């Protein structure tokens, strides 16, 4: 039997749950900076996935089986798109030479900002969709363009000192030349200075904003239910840290994943463009997303990429 709970109560309860989990994370489980091992990261990854699936069960009984499929599809889509985000974050942390024991703190505060930004973007996107029917065509065309661009994008590491965000941040903040352990700022001669760790958080925040521009429109192709969009996004973002530490050392193995994500974004774009003529059933959409991900991962394992000797990277996580 479906028992509908009013949306204001749902949102309030869900936000309180997220705040409680974040408080436990920072205040108890990760109070002391430490290097997150792969085994620990895998345990947390299982926890976040299990929690998302438990919430999906709640969605099933509260909103019905169709909403549960939409939540699962949105969660799967956001998790798969976040893998590309993880690769960029790895490059950022390596470029700025952030000590491994401080990676968790950077990702924690980066995710706090990501939750706020994505919540705002979801609210705006939902308002646009309900106000203008033609916005689906705009989102669809944008995702199709993004999917094609992703397939041909260069994977060369960017010189972040030339990055506009880094340049602008250095202009408006006093940034020290060296790290001061896990601190984001220090007092120096009576003046507040910010550390490079603070700068790294800003760059990570901006990176998530760029990826959210792709992923938020994509999930609206799965469902127009703002609560489902918001909660599936939050669960995907909350699990991003543990997923980062779990897969950081093996990201290079899945070299075909970029093309799989390109196909998924293009498929979602086409789905949005043709929605007035043909509505792709949620079961088919789920099958395409899961199938493309499985094929790209399997192809990466069967046909490993040949690496040059100077391309070797040491993983940040330890076993």
C-alpha atoms as a PDB file:
ATOM      1  CA  UNK A   1       0.000   0.000   0.000  1.00  0.00           C
ATOM      2  CA  UNK A   2       1.321   3.467  -0.954  1.00  0.00           C
ATOM      3  CA  UNK A   3       1.336   6.003   1.885  1.00  0.00           C
ATOM      4  CA  UNK A   4       2.011   9.505   0.521  1.00  0.00           C
ATOM      5  CA  UNK A   5       3.845  11.832   2.922  1.00  0.00           C
ATOM      6  CA  UNK A   6       3.555  15.604   2.245  1.00  0.00           C
ATOM      7  CA  UNK A   7       6.598  16.997   0.388  1.00  0.00           C
ATOM      8  CA  UNK A   8       7.572  19.618   3.037  1.00  0.00           C
ATOM      9  CA  UNK A   9       7.839  16.865   5.661  1.00  0.00           C
ATOM     10  CA  UNK A  10       9.814  14.669   3.243  1.00  0.00           C
ATOM     11  CA  UNK A  11      12.303  17.431   2.416  1.00  0.00           C
ATOM     12  CA  UNK A  12      12.729  18.442   6.077  1.00  0.00           C
ATOM     13  CA  UNK A  13      13.255  14.840   7.187  1.00  0.00           C
ATOM     14  CA  UNK A  14      15.695  14.083   4.386  1.00  0.00           C
ATOM     15  CA  UNK A  15      17.778  17.229   4.986  1.00  0.00           C
ATOM     16  CA  UNK A  16      17.939  16.449   8.718  1.00  0.00           C
ATOM     17  CA  UNK A  17      19.139  12.920   7.867  1.00  0.00           C
ATOM     18  CA  UNK A  18      21.882  14.313   5.595  1.00  0.00           C
ATOM     19  CA  UNK A  19      23.033  16.824   8.238  1.00  0.00           C
ATOM     20  CA  UNK A  20      23.123  14.039  10.847  1.00  0.00           C
ATOM     21  CA  UNK A  21      25.244  11.815   8.585  1.00  0.00           C
ATOM     22  CA  UNK A  22      27.638  14.682   7.773  1.00  0.00           C
ATOM     23  CA  UNK A  23      28.016  15.477  11.489  1.00  0.00           C
ATOM     24  CA  UNK A  24      28.826  11.824  12.227  1.00  0.00           C
ATOM     25  CA  UNK A  25      31.313  11.746   9.361  1.00  0.00           C
ATOM     26  CA  UNK A  26      33.316  14.822  10.361  1.00  0.00           C
ATOM     27  CA  UNK A  27      32.767  14.786  14.121  1.00  0.00           C
ATOM     28  CA  UNK A  28      33.263  11.100  14.912  1.00  0.00           C
ATOM     29  CA  UNK A  29      34.484   8.827  12.125  1.00  0.00           C
ATOM     30  CA  UNK A  30      36.978  11.230  10.518  1.00  0.00           C
ATOM     31  CA  UNK A  31      37.830  13.640  13.312  1.00  0.00           C
ATOM     32  CA  UNK A  32      41.560  12.915  12.950  1.00  0.00           C
ATOM     33  CA  UNK A  33      43.187  13.349   9.493  1.00  0.00           C
ATOM     34  CA  UNK A  34      44.401  10.010   8.163  1.00  0.00           C
ATOM     35  CA  UNK A  35      45.145   8.225   4.909  1.00  0.00           C
ATOM     36  CA  UNK A  36      41.977   6.436   3.788  1.00  0.00           C
ATOM     37  CA  UNK A  37      42.843   2.873   2.819  1.00  0.00           C
ATOM     38  CA  UNK A  38      41.108   1.026   0.000  1.00  0.00           C
ATOM     39  CA  UNK A  39      39.537  -1.462   2.432  1.00  0.00           C
ATOM     40  CA  UNK A  40      38.038   1.388   4.490  1.00  0.00           C
ATOM     41  CA  UNK A  41      36.831   3.155   1.348  1.00  0.00           C
ATOM     42  CA  UNK A  42      35.175  -0.009   0.040  1.00  0.00           C
ATOM     43  CA  UNK A  43      33.355  -0.420   3.366  1.00  0.00           C
ATOM     44  CA  UNK A  44      32.012   3.140   3.181  1.00  0.00           C
ATOM     45  CA  UNK A  45      31.080   2.679  -0.488  1.00  0.00           C
ATOM     46  CA  UNK A  46      29.003  -0.373   0.420  1.00  0.00           C
ATOM     47  CA  UNK A  47      27.405   1.625   3.262  1.00  0.00           C
ATOM     48  CA  UNK A  48      26.365   4.539   0.996  1.00  0.00           C
ATOM     49  CA  UNK A  49      25.039   2.247  -1.739  1.00  0.00           C
ATOM     50  CA  UNK A  50      23.098   0.204   0.841  1.00  0.00           C
ATOM     51  CA  UNK A  51      21.697   3.408   2.352  1.00  0.00           C
ATOM     52  CA  UNK A  52      20.627   4.639  -1.098  1.00  0.00           C
ATOM     53  CA  UNK A  53      18.901   1.327  -1.815  1.00  0.00           C
ATOM     54  CA  UNK A  54      17.195   1.417   1.599  1.00  0.00           C
ATOM     55  CA  UNK A  55      15.928   4.897   0.763  1.00  0.00           C
ATOM     56  CA  UNK A  56      14.767   3.560  -2.608  1.00  0.00           C
ATOM     57  CA  UNK A  57      12.660   1.024  -0.700  1.00  0.00           C
ATOM     58  CA  UNK A  58      11.111   3.934   1.211  1.00  0.00           C
ATOM     59  CA  UNK A  59      10.409   5.692  -2.118  1.00  0.00           C
ATOM     60  CA  UNK A  60       8.713   2.504  -3.359  1.00  0.00           C
ATOM     61  CA  UNK A  61       6.266   2.440  -0.452  1.00  0.00           C
ATOM     62  CA  UNK A  62       5.796   6.222  -0.332  1.00  0.00           C
ATOM     63  CA  UNK A  63       5.568   7.095  -4.035  1.00  0.00           C
ATOM     64  CA  UNK A  64       5.095   3.776  -5.807  1.00  0.00           C
ATOM     65  CA  UNK A  65       7.117   1.380  -8.021  1.00  0.00           C
ATOM     66  CA  UNK A  66       7.479   3.847 -10.925  1.00  0.00           C
ATOM     67  CA  UNK A  67       9.041   6.466  -8.637  1.00  0.00           C
ATOM     68  CA  UNK A  68      11.369   3.799  -7.219  1.00  0.00           C
ATOM     69  CA  UNK A  69      12.560   2.970 -10.749  1.00  0.00           C
ATOM     70  CA  UNK A  70      13.101   6.674 -11.409  1.00  0.00           C
ATOM     71  CA  UNK A  71      15.137   7.062  -8.214  1.00  0.00           C
ATOM     72  CA  UNK A  72      17.287   4.060  -9.100  1.00  0.00           C
ATOM     73  CA  UNK A  73      17.774   5.326 -12.655  1.00  0.00           C
ATOM     74  CA  UNK A  74      18.694   8.812 -11.433  1.00  0.00           C
ATOM     75  CA  UNK A  75      21.077   7.434  -8.820  1.00  0.00           C
ATOM     76  CA  UNK A  76      22.762   5.112 -11.326  1.00  0.00           C
ATOM     77  CA  UNK A  77      23.098   7.956 -13.847  1.00  0.00           C
ATOM     78  CA  UNK A  78      24.567  10.407 -11.311  1.00  0.00           C
ATOM     79  CA  UNK A  79      26.972   7.798  -9.934  1.00  0.00           C
ATOM     80  CA  UNK A  80      28.240   6.910 -13.403  1.00  0.00           C
ATOM     81  CA  UNK A  81      28.729  10.562 -14.356  1.00  0.00           C
ATOM     82  CA  UNK A  82      30.547  11.221 -11.071  1.00  0.00           C
ATOM     83  CA  UNK A  83      33.285   8.771 -12.129  1.00  0.00           C
ATOM     84  CA  UNK A  84      34.567  11.316 -14.642  1.00  0.00           C
ATOM     85  CA  UNK A  85      34.457  13.911 -11.871  1.00  0.00           C
ATOM     86  CA  UNK A  86      36.623  11.650  -9.703  1.00  0.00           C
ATOM     87  CA  UNK A  87      39.297  11.474 -12.397  1.00  0.00           C
ATOM     88  CA  UNK A  88      39.519  15.282 -12.539  1.00  0.00           C
ATOM     89  CA  UNK A  89      39.669  15.544  -8.725  1.00  0.00           C
ATOM     90  CA  UNK A  90      42.569  13.064  -8.723  1.00  0.00           C
ATOM     91  CA  UNK A  91      44.452  15.322 -11.142  1.00  0.00           C
ATOM     92  CA  UNK A  92      43.711  18.399  -8.997  1.00  0.00           C
ATOM     93  CA  UNK A  93      44.966  16.786  -5.779  1.00  0.00           C
ATOM     94  CA  UNK A  94      48.093  15.519  -7.485  1.00  0.00           C
ATOM     95  CA  UNK A  95      48.789  18.843  -9.184  1.00  0.00           C
ATOM     96  CA  UNK A  96      48.621  20.750  -5.881  1.00  0.00           C
ATOM     97  CA  UNK A  97      50.527  17.957  -4.089  1.00  0.00           C
ATOM     98  CA  UNK A  98      47.946  17.609  -1.327  1.00  0.00           C
ATOM     99  CA  UNK A  99      49.093  15.124   1.325  1.00  0.00           C
ATOM    100  CA  UNK A 100      46.932  11.949   1.243  1.00  0.00           C
ATOM    101  CA  UNK A 101      45.824  12.366   4.876  1.00  0.00           C
ATOM    102  CA  UNK A 102      44.103  15.649   3.934  1.00  0.00           C
ATOM    103  CA  UNK A 103      42.243  14.337   0.879  1.00  0.00           C
ATOM    104  CA  UNK A 104      39.177  13.463   2.936  1.00  0.00           C
ATOM    105  CA  UNK A 105      38.887  16.978   4.391  1.00  0.00           C
ATOM    106  CA  UNK A 106      39.134  18.569   0.930  1.00  0.00           C
ATOM    107  CA  UNK A 107      36.468  16.225  -0.438  1.00  0.00           C
ATOM    108  CA  UNK A 108      34.224  16.686   2.615  1.00  0.00           C
ATOM    109  CA  UNK A 109      34.036  20.463   2.292  1.00  0.00           C
ATOM    110  CA  UNK A 110      33.916  20.197  -1.478  1.00  0.00           C
ATOM    111  CA  UNK A 111      30.838  17.997  -1.161  1.00  0.00           C
ATOM    112  CA  UNK A 112      29.171  20.413   1.290  1.00  0.00           C
ATOM    113  CA  UNK A 113      29.425  23.118  -1.374  1.00  0.00           C
ATOM    114  CA  UNK A 114      28.333  20.660  -4.075  1.00  0.00           C
ATOM    115  CA  UNK A 115      25.141  19.828  -2.161  1.00  0.00           C
ATOM    116  CA  UNK A 116      24.227  23.519  -1.872  1.00  0.00           C
ATOM    117  CA  UNK A 117      25.030  24.282  -5.527  1.00  0.00           C
ATOM    118  CA  UNK A 118      23.229  21.238  -6.882  1.00  0.00           C
ATOM    119  CA  UNK A 119      20.198  21.908  -4.710  1.00  0.00           C
ATOM    120  CA  UNK A 120      20.002  25.422  -6.160  1.00  0.00           C
ATOM    121  CA  UNK A 121      20.477  24.170  -9.726  1.00  0.00           C
ATOM    122  CA  UNK A 122      17.784  21.507  -9.280  1.00  0.00           C
ATOM    123  CA  UNK A 123      15.344  24.129  -8.003  1.00  0.00           C
ATOM    124  CA  UNK A 124      16.073  26.386 -10.997  1.00  0.00           C
ATOM    125  CA  UNK A 125      15.927  23.474 -13.474  1.00  0.00           C
ATOM    126  CA  UNK A 126      12.616  22.258 -12.060  1.00  0.00           C
ATOM    127  CA  UNK A 127      11.132  25.755 -12.257  1.00  0.00           C
ATOM    128  CA  UNK A 128      12.255  26.130 -15.881  1.00  0.00           C
ATOM    129  CA  UNK A 129      10.841  22.739 -16.897  1.00  0.00           C
ATOM    130  CA  UNK A 130       7.472  23.464 -15.328  1.00  0.00           C
ATOM    131  CA  UNK A 131       7.352  26.970 -16.812  1.00  0.00           C
ATOM    132  CA  UNK A 132       8.649  26.306 -20.343  1.00  0.00           C
ATOM    133  CA  UNK A 133       7.972  23.090 -22.279  1.00  0.00           C
ATOM    134  CA  UNK A 134      10.629  23.954 -24.847  1.00  0.00           C
ATOM    135  CA  UNK A 135      13.414  23.836 -22.225  1.00  0.00           C
ATOM    136  CA  UNK A 136      13.518  20.050 -22.751  1.00  0.00           C
ATOM    137  CA  UNK A 137      14.804  20.654 -26.292  1.00  0.00           C
ATOM    138  CA  UNK A 138      17.489  23.013 -24.973  1.00  0.00           C
ATOM    139  CA  UNK A 139      18.605  20.515 -22.319  1.00  0.00           C
ATOM    140  CA  UNK A 140      18.507  17.669 -24.839  1.00  0.00           C
ATOM    141  CA  UNK A 141      20.583  19.513 -27.445  1.00  0.00           C
ATOM    142  CA  UNK A 142      23.087  20.544 -24.783  1.00  0.00           C
ATOM    143  CA  UNK A 143      23.487  16.957 -23.527  1.00  0.00           C
ATOM    144  CA  UNK A 144      23.846  15.624 -27.067  1.00  0.00           C
ATOM    145  CA  UNK A 145      26.562  18.212 -27.749  1.00  0.00           C
ATOM    146  CA  UNK A 146      28.264  17.385 -24.422  1.00  0.00           C
ATOM    147  CA  UNK A 147      28.202  13.660 -25.161  1.00  0.00           C
ATOM    148  CA  UNK A 148      29.850  14.104 -28.560  1.00  0.00           C
ATOM    149  CA  UNK A 149      32.403  16.548 -27.134  1.00  0.00           C
ATOM    150  CA  UNK A 150      33.284  14.115 -24.315  1.00  0.00           C
ATOM    151  CA  UNK A 151      34.145  11.376 -26.819  1.00  0.00           C
ATOM    152  CA  UNK A 152      36.735  13.599 -28.506  1.00  0.00           C
ATOM    153  CA  UNK A 153      37.980  15.555 -25.471  1.00  0.00           C
ATOM    154  CA  UNK A 154      41.704  15.528 -24.748  1.00  0.00           C
ATOM    155  CA  UNK A 155      42.818  13.790 -21.570  1.00  0.00           C
ATOM    156  CA  UNK A 156      45.976  15.856 -21.185  1.00  0.00           C
ATOM    157  CA  UNK A 157      46.400  17.344 -17.710  1.00  0.00           C
ATOM    158  CA  UNK A 158      45.708  21.062 -17.526  1.00  0.00           C
ATOM    159  CA  UNK A 159      48.233  23.523 -16.128  1.00  0.00           C
ATOM    160  CA  UNK A 160      46.064  24.694 -13.255  1.00  0.00           C
ATOM    161  CA  UNK A 161      48.125  27.799 -12.593  1.00  0.00           C
ATOM    162  CA  UNK A 162      46.689  29.146 -15.866  1.00  0.00           C
ATOM    163  CA  UNK A 163      43.169  28.190 -14.783  1.00  0.00           C
ATOM    164  CA  UNK A 164      40.874  31.237 -14.489  1.00  0.00           C
ATOM    165  CA  UNK A 165      39.494  30.067 -11.120  1.00  0.00           C
ATOM    166  CA  UNK A 166      43.001  29.716  -9.656  1.00  0.00           C
ATOM    167  CA  UNK A 167      44.110  33.083 -11.019  1.00  0.00           C
ATOM    168  CA  UNK A 168      41.006  34.886  -9.739  1.00  0.00           C
ATOM    169  CA  UNK A 169      41.235  33.204  -6.326  1.00  0.00           C
ATOM    170  CA  UNK A 170      44.864  34.229  -5.934  1.00  0.00           C
ATOM    171  CA  UNK A 171      43.851  37.783  -6.840  1.00  0.00           C
ATOM    172  CA  UNK A 172      41.108  38.152  -4.213  1.00  0.00           C
ATOM    173  CA  UNK A 173      42.568  35.959  -1.428  1.00  0.00           C
ATOM    174  CA  UNK A 174      45.975  36.097   0.246  1.00  0.00           C
ATOM    175  CA  UNK A 175      47.297  32.577  -0.408  1.00  0.00           C
ATOM    176  CA  UNK A 176      50.355  31.288   1.463  1.00  0.00           C
ATOM    177  CA  UNK A 177      53.151  29.543  -0.432  1.00  0.00           C
ATOM    178  CA  UNK A 178      53.112  26.463   1.785  1.00  0.00           C
ATOM    179  CA  UNK A 179      50.563  24.181   3.436  1.00  0.00           C
ATOM    180  CA  UNK A 180      49.886  24.480   7.171  1.00  0.00           C
ATOM    181  CA  UNK A 181      48.781  20.923   7.894  1.00  0.00           C
ATOM    182  CA  UNK A 182      44.966  20.624   7.516  1.00  0.00           C
ATOM    183  CA  UNK A 183      44.270  24.325   8.126  1.00  0.00           C
ATOM    184  CA  UNK A 184      42.427  26.441   5.548  1.00  0.00           C
ATOM    185  CA  UNK A 185      43.648  29.769   6.947  1.00  0.00           C
ATOM    186  CA  UNK A 186      46.191  31.266   9.368  1.00  0.00           C
ATOM    187  CA  UNK A 187      46.844  34.603  11.032  1.00  0.00           C
ATOM    188  CA  UNK A 188      50.117  36.178   9.921  1.00  0.00           C
ATOM    189  CA  UNK A 189      51.212  39.573  11.304  1.00  0.00           C
ATOM    190  CA  UNK A 190      47.613  40.282  12.276  1.00  0.00           C
ATOM    191  CA  UNK A 191      46.349  39.531   8.742  1.00  0.00           C
ATOM    192  CA  UNK A 192      44.235  36.557   7.656  1.00  0.00           C
ATOM    193  CA  UNK A 193      45.980  34.379   5.042  1.00  0.00           C
ATOM    194  CA  UNK A 194      44.460  31.374   3.282  1.00  0.00           C
ATOM    195  CA  UNK A 195      46.427  28.204   2.618  1.00  0.00           C
ATOM    196  CA  UNK A 196      46.782  26.255  -0.652  1.00  0.00           C
ATOM    197  CA  UNK A 197      44.363  23.693   0.840  1.00  0.00           C
ATOM    198  CA  UNK A 198      41.638  26.347   0.769  1.00  0.00           C
ATOM    199  CA  UNK A 199      42.486  27.041  -2.880  1.00  0.00           C
ATOM    200  CA  UNK A 200      42.171  23.323  -3.686  1.00  0.00           C
ATOM    201  CA  UNK A 201      38.661  23.253  -2.160  1.00  0.00           C
ATOM    202  CA  UNK A 202      37.647  26.190  -4.385  1.00  0.00           C
ATOM    203  CA  UNK A 203      38.928  24.401  -7.502  1.00  0.00           C
ATOM    204  CA  UNK A 204      37.142  21.158  -6.507  1.00  0.00           C
ATOM    205  CA  UNK A 205      33.902  23.122  -5.923  1.00  0.00           C
ATOM    206  CA  UNK A 206      34.134  24.745  -9.348  1.00  0.00           C
ATOM    207  CA  UNK A 207      34.875  21.368 -10.951  1.00  0.00           C
ATOM    208  CA  UNK A 208      31.700  19.889  -9.463  1.00  0.00           C
ATOM    209  CA  UNK A 209      29.749  22.918 -10.686  1.00  0.00           C
ATOM    210  CA  UNK A 210      30.966  22.254 -14.236  1.00  0.00           C
ATOM    211  CA  UNK A 211      29.985  18.583 -14.024  1.00  0.00           C
ATOM    212  CA  UNK A 212      26.614  19.458 -12.474  1.00  0.00           C
ATOM    213  CA  UNK A 213      25.808  21.545 -15.550  1.00  0.00           C
ATOM    214  CA  UNK A 214      25.817  18.237 -17.466  1.00  0.00           C
ATOM    215  CA  UNK A 215      24.351  15.888 -14.876  1.00  0.00           C
ATOM    216  CA  UNK A 216      21.425  17.976 -13.575  1.00  0.00           C
ATOM    217  CA  UNK A 217      19.729  18.340 -16.997  1.00  0.00           C
ATOM    218  CA  UNK A 218      20.422  14.631 -17.645  1.00  0.00           C
ATOM    219  CA  UNK A 219      18.517  13.430 -14.594  1.00  0.00           C
ATOM    220  CA  UNK A 220      15.461  15.487 -15.590  1.00  0.00           C
ATOM    221  CA  UNK A 221      15.246  13.139 -18.581  1.00  0.00           C
ATOM    222  CA  UNK A 222      14.674  10.315 -16.078  1.00  0.00           C
ATOM    223  CA  UNK A 223      12.066  12.064 -13.915  1.00  0.00           C
ATOM    224  CA  UNK A 224      10.352  15.418 -13.393  1.00  0.00           C
ATOM    225  CA  UNK A 225       9.793  14.679  -9.703  1.00  0.00           C
ATOM    226  CA  UNK A 226      11.985  17.285  -7.973  1.00  0.00           C
ATOM    227  CA  UNK A 227      12.182  15.230  -4.769  1.00  0.00           C
ATOM    228  CA  UNK A 228      13.508  12.204  -6.676  1.00  0.00           C
ATOM    229  CA  UNK A 229      15.981  14.382  -8.592  1.00  0.00           C
ATOM    230  CA  UNK A 230      17.224  16.008  -5.379  1.00  0.00           C
ATOM    231  CA  UNK A 231      17.538  12.868  -3.250  1.00  0.00           C
ATOM    232  CA  UNK A 232      19.211  10.727  -5.935  1.00  0.00           C
ATOM    233  CA  UNK A 233      21.714  13.551  -6.522  1.00  0.00           C
ATOM    234  CA  UNK A 234      22.435  13.880  -2.809  1.00  0.00           C
ATOM    235  CA  UNK A 235      23.061  10.155  -2.379  1.00  0.00           C
ATOM    236  CA  UNK A 236      25.367  10.103  -5.408  1.00  0.00           C
ATOM    237  CA  UNK A 237      27.341  13.124  -4.134  1.00  0.00           C
ATOM    238  CA  UNK A 238      27.508  11.814  -0.551  1.00  0.00           C
ATOM    239  CA  UNK A 239      29.013   8.556  -1.793  1.00  0.00           C
ATOM    240  CA  UNK A 240      31.515  10.348  -4.024  1.00  0.00           C
ATOM    241  CA  UNK A 241      34.275  10.534  -1.372  1.00  0.00           C
ATOM    242  CA  UNK A 242      34.330   6.835  -0.543  1.00  0.00           C
ATOM    243  CA  UNK A 243      34.072   6.003  -4.250  1.00  0.00           C
ATOM    244  CA  UNK A 244      37.050   8.299  -4.872  1.00  0.00           C
ATOM    245  CA  UNK A 245      39.284   6.433  -2.417  1.00  0.00           C
ATOM    246  CA  UNK A 246      37.990   3.044  -3.596  1.00  0.00           C
ATOM    247  CA  UNK A 247      38.744   3.571  -7.297  1.00  0.00           C
ATOM    248  CA  UNK A 248      41.522   6.228  -7.299  1.00  0.00           C
ATOM    249  CA  UNK A 249      44.206   3.601  -7.808  1.00  0.00           C
ATOM    250  CA  UNK A 250      42.481   1.822 -10.697  1.00  0.00           C
ATOM    251  CA  UNK A 251      40.874   4.708 -12.594  1.00  0.00           C
ATOM    252  CA  UNK A 252      43.365   4.351 -15.450  1.00  0.00           C
ATOM    253  CA  UNK A 253      42.172   0.795 -16.127  1.00  0.00           C
ATOM    254  CA  UNK A 254      38.728   1.874 -17.344  1.00  0.00           C
ATOM    255  CA  UNK A 255      39.891   3.815 -20.401  1.00  0.00           C
ATOM    256  CA  UNK A 256      36.715   3.043 -22.387  1.00  0.00           C
ATOM    257  CA  UNK A 257      34.486   4.492 -19.661  1.00  0.00           C
ATOM    258  CA  UNK A 258      34.740   7.964 -21.184  1.00  0.00           C
ATOM    259  CA  UNK A 259      33.143   6.685 -24.384  1.00  0.00           C
ATOM    260  CA  UNK A 260      30.446   4.875 -22.405  1.00  0.00           C
ATOM    261  CA  UNK A 261      29.550   8.096 -20.591  1.00  0.00           C
ATOM    262  CA  UNK A 262      29.548   9.886 -23.950  1.00  0.00           C
ATOM    263  CA  UNK A 263      26.993   7.384 -25.302  1.00  0.00           C
ATOM    264  CA  UNK A 264      24.840   7.719 -22.148  1.00  0.00           C
ATOM    265  CA  UNK A 265      24.761  11.536 -22.327  1.00  0.00           C
ATOM    266  CA  UNK A 266      23.963  11.413 -26.045  1.00  0.00           C
ATOM    267  CA  UNK A 267      21.177   8.873 -25.436  1.00  0.00           C
ATOM    268  CA  UNK A 268      19.692  11.048 -22.672  1.00  0.00           C
ATOM    269  CA  UNK A 269      19.921  14.079 -24.963  1.00  0.00           C
ATOM    270  CA  UNK A 270      18.045  12.304 -27.758  1.00  0.00           C
ATOM    271  CA  UNK A 271      15.494  11.022 -25.213  1.00  0.00           C
ATOM    272  CA  UNK A 272      14.734  14.602 -24.171  1.00  0.00           C
ATOM    273  CA  UNK A 273      14.538  15.924 -27.741  1.00  0.00           C
ATOM    274  CA  UNK A 274      12.038  13.285 -28.918  1.00  0.00           C
ATOM    275  CA  UNK A 275       9.900  13.250 -25.742  1.00  0.00           C
ATOM    276  CA  UNK A 276       6.929  14.910 -27.510  1.00  0.00           C
ATOM    277  CA  UNK A 277       6.819  12.146 -30.136  1.00  0.00           C
ATOM    278  CA  UNK A 278       8.002   9.137 -28.152  1.00  0.00           C
ATOM    279  CA  UNK A 279       8.493   8.705 -24.410  1.00  0.00           C
ATOM    280  CA  UNK A 280      11.260   6.181 -23.749  1.00  0.00           C
ATOM    281  CA  UNK A 281      10.035   3.865 -20.928  1.00  0.00           C
ATOM    282  CA  UNK A 282      12.034   4.037 -17.697  1.00  0.00           C
ATOM    283  CA  UNK A 283      12.844   0.311 -17.972  1.00  0.00           C
ATOM    284  CA  UNK A 284      14.499   0.825 -21.369  1.00  0.00           C
ATOM    285  CA  UNK A 285      16.391   3.898 -20.111  1.00  0.00           C
ATOM    286  CA  UNK A 286      17.683   1.911 -17.123  1.00  0.00           C
ATOM    287  CA  UNK A 287      18.709  -0.955 -19.401  1.00  0.00           C
ATOM    288  CA  UNK A 288      20.630   1.358 -21.743  1.00  0.00           C
ATOM    289  CA  UNK A 289      22.486   3.124 -18.906  1.00  0.00           C
ATOM    290  CA  UNK A 290      23.406  -0.105 -17.102  1.00  0.00           C
ATOM    291  CA  UNK A 291      24.234  -1.938 -20.339  1.00  0.00           C
ATOM    292  CA  UNK A 292      26.518   0.781 -21.723  1.00  0.00           C
ATOM    293  CA  UNK A 293      28.355   1.057 -18.394  1.00  0.00           C
ATOM    294  CA  UNK A 294      28.845  -2.722 -18.226  1.00  0.00           C
ATOM    295  CA  UNK A 295      30.093  -2.910 -21.837  1.00  0.00           C
ATOM    296  CA  UNK A 296      32.564  -0.018 -21.400  1.00  0.00           C
ATOM    297  CA  UNK A 297      33.990  -1.517 -18.177  1.00  0.00           C
ATOM    298  CA  UNK A 298      34.192  -5.013 -19.704  1.00  0.00           C
ATOM    299  CA  UNK A 299      35.850  -3.688 -22.864  1.00  0.00           C
ATOM    300  CA  UNK A 300      38.425  -1.843 -20.730  1.00  0.00           C
ATOM    301  CA  UNK A 301      39.330  -5.083 -18.949  1.00  0.00           C
ATOM    302  CA  UNK A 302      39.442  -7.221 -22.115  1.00  0.00           C
ATOM    303  CA  UNK A 303      41.368  -4.646 -24.150  1.00  0.00           C
ATOM    304  CA  UNK A 304      43.735  -2.914 -21.673  1.00  0.00           C
ATOM    305  CA  UNK A 305      45.293   0.369 -22.699  1.00  0.00           C
ATOM    306  CA  UNK A 306      49.001   0.357 -23.486  1.00  0.00           C
ATOM    307  CA  UNK A 307      50.774   2.784 -21.145  1.00  0.00           C
ATOM    308  CA  UNK A 308      54.108   4.428 -21.804  1.00  0.00           C
ATOM    309  CA  UNK A 309      56.669   4.119 -19.007  1.00  0.00           C
ATOM    310  CA  UNK A 310      56.539   7.846 -18.184  1.00  0.00           C
ATOM    311  CA  UNK A 311      52.757   7.689 -17.809  1.00  0.00           C
ATOM    312  CA  UNK A 312      52.819   5.550 -14.708  1.00  0.00           C
ATOM    313  CA  UNK A 313      51.134   7.123 -11.690  1.00  0.00           C
ATOM    314  CA  UNK A 314      51.211   5.968  -8.144  1.00  0.00           C
ATOM    315  CA  UNK A 315      47.756   5.623  -6.613  1.00  0.00           C
ATOM    316  CA  UNK A 316      46.840   7.894  -3.743  1.00  0.00           C
ATOM    317  CA  UNK A 317      45.010   5.221  -1.779  1.00  0.00           C
ATOM    318  CA  UNK A 318      46.741   2.340  -0.090  1.00  0.00           C
ATOM    319  CA  UNK A 319      45.551  -1.175   0.450  1.00  0.00           C
END
